[in-house]
Amino acid sequence: RRQLARSASVSDALLRVDDAFYALRRSGILSQLDTHDAPIAIDKRALAKVMREAGLPLDGTQLDALWELMDADRDGMLNSDELLAAAHTRDSHDIRIWP
């Protein structure tokens, strides 16, 4: 049962990666990826905030699963490399792409 719940949680998180990109793009945070002006560092609270502001609120379990998927180095911050890796994950799983 635990494995099934974990699998469902990961599947849900994969679907939410695109939502996270939409929310981060909408907030202007992702524009920093293009300019390389300053390093990107997004914490879990900031991700939850931009998701909520974009009309895509997450409950605690959803946020934890999405964070676990995106924060590859487990340092508690999303950086440019992790965002680019998540973009690759999103594209490789044929998840819907926001315009």
C-alpha atoms as a PDB file:
ATOM      1  CA  ARG A   1       0.000   0.000   0.000  1.00  0.00           C
ATOM      2  CA  ARG A   2       2.775   2.385   0.890  1.00  0.00           C
ATOM      3  CA  GLN A   3       4.445   1.755  -2.476  1.00  0.00           C
ATOM      4  CA  LEU A   4       1.170   2.375  -4.315  1.00  0.00           C
ATOM      5  CA  ALA A   5       0.612   5.606  -2.434  1.00  0.00           C
ATOM      6  CA  ARG A   6       4.179   6.690  -3.187  1.00  0.00           C
ATOM      7  CA  SER A   7       3.750   5.840  -6.865  1.00  0.00           C
ATOM      8  CA  ALA A   8       0.542   7.860  -7.045  1.00  0.00           C
ATOM      9  CA  SER A   9       2.265  10.745  -5.292  1.00  0.00           C
ATOM     10  CA  VAL A  10       5.162  10.718  -7.784  1.00  0.00           C
ATOM     11  CA  SER A  11       2.748  10.555 -10.731  1.00  0.00           C
ATOM     12  CA  ASP A  12       0.826  13.502  -9.343  1.00  0.00           C
ATOM     13  CA  ALA A  13       4.084  15.422  -8.818  1.00  0.00           C
ATOM     14  CA  LEU A  14       5.159  14.785 -12.417  1.00  0.00           C
ATOM     15  CA  LEU A  15       1.891  16.277 -13.604  1.00  0.00           C
ATOM     16  CA  ARG A  16       2.412  19.277 -11.354  1.00  0.00           C
ATOM     17  CA  VAL A  17       5.896  20.083 -12.697  1.00  0.00           C
ATOM     18  CA  ASP A  18       4.263  21.853 -15.639  1.00  0.00           C
ATOM     19  CA  ASP A  19       1.963  23.748 -13.287  1.00  0.00           C
ATOM     20  CA  ALA A  20       5.025  24.818 -11.302  1.00  0.00           C
ATOM     21  CA  PHE A  21       6.698  26.112 -14.455  1.00  0.00           C
ATOM     22  CA  TYR A  22       3.569  28.035 -15.356  1.00  0.00           C
ATOM     23  CA  ALA A  23       3.421  29.594 -11.879  1.00  0.00           C
ATOM     24  CA  LEU A  24       7.151  30.417 -11.829  1.00  0.00           C
ATOM     25  CA  ARG A  25       6.994  31.905 -15.329  1.00  0.00           C
ATOM     26  CA  ARG A  26       3.923  33.937 -14.397  1.00  0.00           C
ATOM     27  CA  SER A  27       5.699  35.296 -11.321  1.00  0.00           C
ATOM     28  CA  GLY A  28       8.717  36.408 -13.391  1.00  0.00           C
ATOM     29  CA  ILE A  29      11.153  34.138 -11.581  1.00  0.00           C
ATOM     30  CA  LEU A  30      11.953  32.053 -14.667  1.00  0.00           C
ATOM     31  CA  SER A  31      12.984  35.124 -16.650  1.00  0.00           C
ATOM     32  CA  GLN A  32      16.186  34.985 -14.585  1.00  0.00           C
ATOM     33  CA  LEU A  33      17.075  31.731 -16.371  1.00  0.00           C
ATOM     34  CA  ASP A  34      17.300  33.635 -19.644  1.00  0.00           C
ATOM     35  CA  THR A  35      19.243  36.635 -18.347  1.00  0.00           C
ATOM     36  CA  HIS A  36      21.705  34.827 -16.057  1.00  0.00           C
ATOM     37  CA  ASP A  37      21.857  38.082 -14.056  1.00  0.00           C
ATOM     38  CA  ALA A  38      21.571  36.481 -10.650  1.00  0.00           C
ATOM     39  CA  PRO A  39      21.517  32.928  -9.382  1.00  0.00           C
ATOM     40  CA  ILE A  40      18.063  31.486  -8.831  1.00  0.00           C
ATOM     41  CA  ALA A  41      17.241  30.146  -5.388  1.00  0.00           C
ATOM     42  CA  ILE A  42      13.617  29.238  -4.678  1.00  0.00           C
ATOM     43  CA  ASP A  43      12.598  27.684  -1.387  1.00  0.00           C
ATOM     44  CA  LYS A  44       9.565  25.485  -0.781  1.00  0.00           C
ATOM     45  CA  ARG A  45       7.542  28.328   0.729  1.00  0.00           C
ATOM     46  CA  ALA A  46       8.162  30.530  -2.321  1.00  0.00           C
ATOM     47  CA  LEU A  47       7.117  27.706  -4.650  1.00  0.00           C
ATOM     48  CA  ALA A  48       3.906  27.184  -2.663  1.00  0.00           C
ATOM     49  CA  LYS A  49       3.238  30.934  -2.805  1.00  0.00           C
ATOM     50  CA  VAL A  50       3.654  31.282  -6.583  1.00  0.00           C
ATOM     51  CA  MET A  51       1.529  28.170  -7.124  1.00  0.00           C
ATOM     52  CA  ARG A  52      -1.225  29.612  -4.919  1.00  0.00           C
ATOM     53  CA  GLU A  53      -1.000  33.032  -6.625  1.00  0.00           C
ATOM     54  CA  ALA A  54      -1.322  31.339 -10.030  1.00  0.00           C
ATOM     55  CA  GLY A  55      -4.538  29.655  -8.868  1.00  0.00           C
ATOM     56  CA  LEU A  56      -2.828  26.271  -8.483  1.00  0.00           C
ATOM     57  CA  PRO A  57      -2.744  25.703  -4.718  1.00  0.00           C
ATOM     58  CA  LEU A  58      -1.143  22.537  -3.386  1.00  0.00           C
ATOM     59  CA  ASP A  59      -1.894  20.687  -0.189  1.00  0.00           C
ATOM     60  CA  GLY A  60       1.045  19.635   1.979  1.00  0.00           C
ATOM     61  CA  THR A  61       1.356  16.166   0.460  1.00  0.00           C
ATOM     62  CA  GLN A  62       1.299  17.523  -3.094  1.00  0.00           C
ATOM     63  CA  LEU A  63       3.869  20.193  -2.266  1.00  0.00           C
ATOM     64  CA  ASP A  64       6.167  17.660  -0.581  1.00  0.00           C
ATOM     65  CA  ALA A  65       5.985  15.280  -3.556  1.00  0.00           C
ATOM     66  CA  LEU A  66       6.627  18.059  -6.077  1.00  0.00           C
ATOM     67  CA  TRP A  67       9.498  19.397  -3.988  1.00  0.00           C
ATOM     68  CA  GLU A  68      11.076  15.956  -3.641  1.00  0.00           C
ATOM     69  CA  LEU A  69      10.947  15.571  -7.413  1.00  0.00           C
ATOM     70  CA  MET A  70      12.423  19.004  -8.168  1.00  0.00           C
ATOM     71  CA  ASP A  71      15.020  19.525  -5.379  1.00  0.00           C
ATOM     72  CA  ALA A  72      17.567  17.034  -6.713  1.00  0.00           C
ATOM     73  CA  ASP A  73      20.453  17.978  -4.420  1.00  0.00           C
ATOM     74  CA  ARG A  74      18.197  18.092  -1.339  1.00  0.00           C
ATOM     75  CA  ASP A  75      19.591  21.439  -0.182  1.00  0.00           C
ATOM     76  CA  GLY A  76      16.150  22.978   0.357  1.00  0.00           C
ATOM     77  CA  MET A  77      16.464  25.372  -2.588  1.00  0.00           C
ATOM     78  CA  LEU A  78      15.640  25.092  -6.277  1.00  0.00           C
ATOM     79  CA  ASN A  79      18.455  26.436  -8.429  1.00  0.00           C
ATOM     80  CA  SER A  80      18.777  26.977 -12.186  1.00  0.00           C
ATOM     81  CA  ASP A  81      20.186  23.498 -12.801  1.00  0.00           C
ATOM     82  CA  GLU A  82      17.287  21.854 -10.968  1.00  0.00           C
ATOM     83  CA  LEU A  83      14.744  23.955 -12.847  1.00  0.00           C
ATOM     84  CA  LEU A  84      16.322  23.027 -16.171  1.00  0.00           C
ATOM     85  CA  ALA A  85      16.422  19.351 -15.140  1.00  0.00           C
ATOM     86  CA  ALA A  86      12.753  19.542 -14.159  1.00  0.00           C
ATOM     87  CA  ALA A  87      11.988  21.047 -17.571  1.00  0.00           C
ATOM     88  CA  HIS A  88      13.684  18.060 -19.165  1.00  0.00           C
ATOM     89  CA  THR A  89      11.705  15.705 -16.910  1.00  0.00           C
ATOM     90  CA  ARG A  90       8.501  17.474 -17.860  1.00  0.00           C
ATOM     91  CA  ASP A  91       9.263  17.267 -21.595  1.00  0.00           C
ATOM     92  CA  SER A  92      10.370  13.637 -21.452  1.00  0.00           C
ATOM     93  CA  HIS A  93       7.094  12.585 -19.826  1.00  0.00           C
ATOM     94  CA  ASP A  94       4.968  14.280 -22.505  1.00  0.00           C
ATOM     95  CA  ILE A  95       3.191  16.424 -19.940  1.00  0.00           C
ATOM     96  CA  ARG A  96       1.091  19.307 -21.217  1.00  0.00           C
ATOM     97  CA  ILE A  97       3.049  22.462 -21.960  1.00  0.00           C
ATOM     98  CA  TRP A  98       1.618  25.863 -21.077  1.00  0.00           C
ATOM     99  CA  PRO A  99       1.950  28.498 -23.808  1.00  0.00           C
END
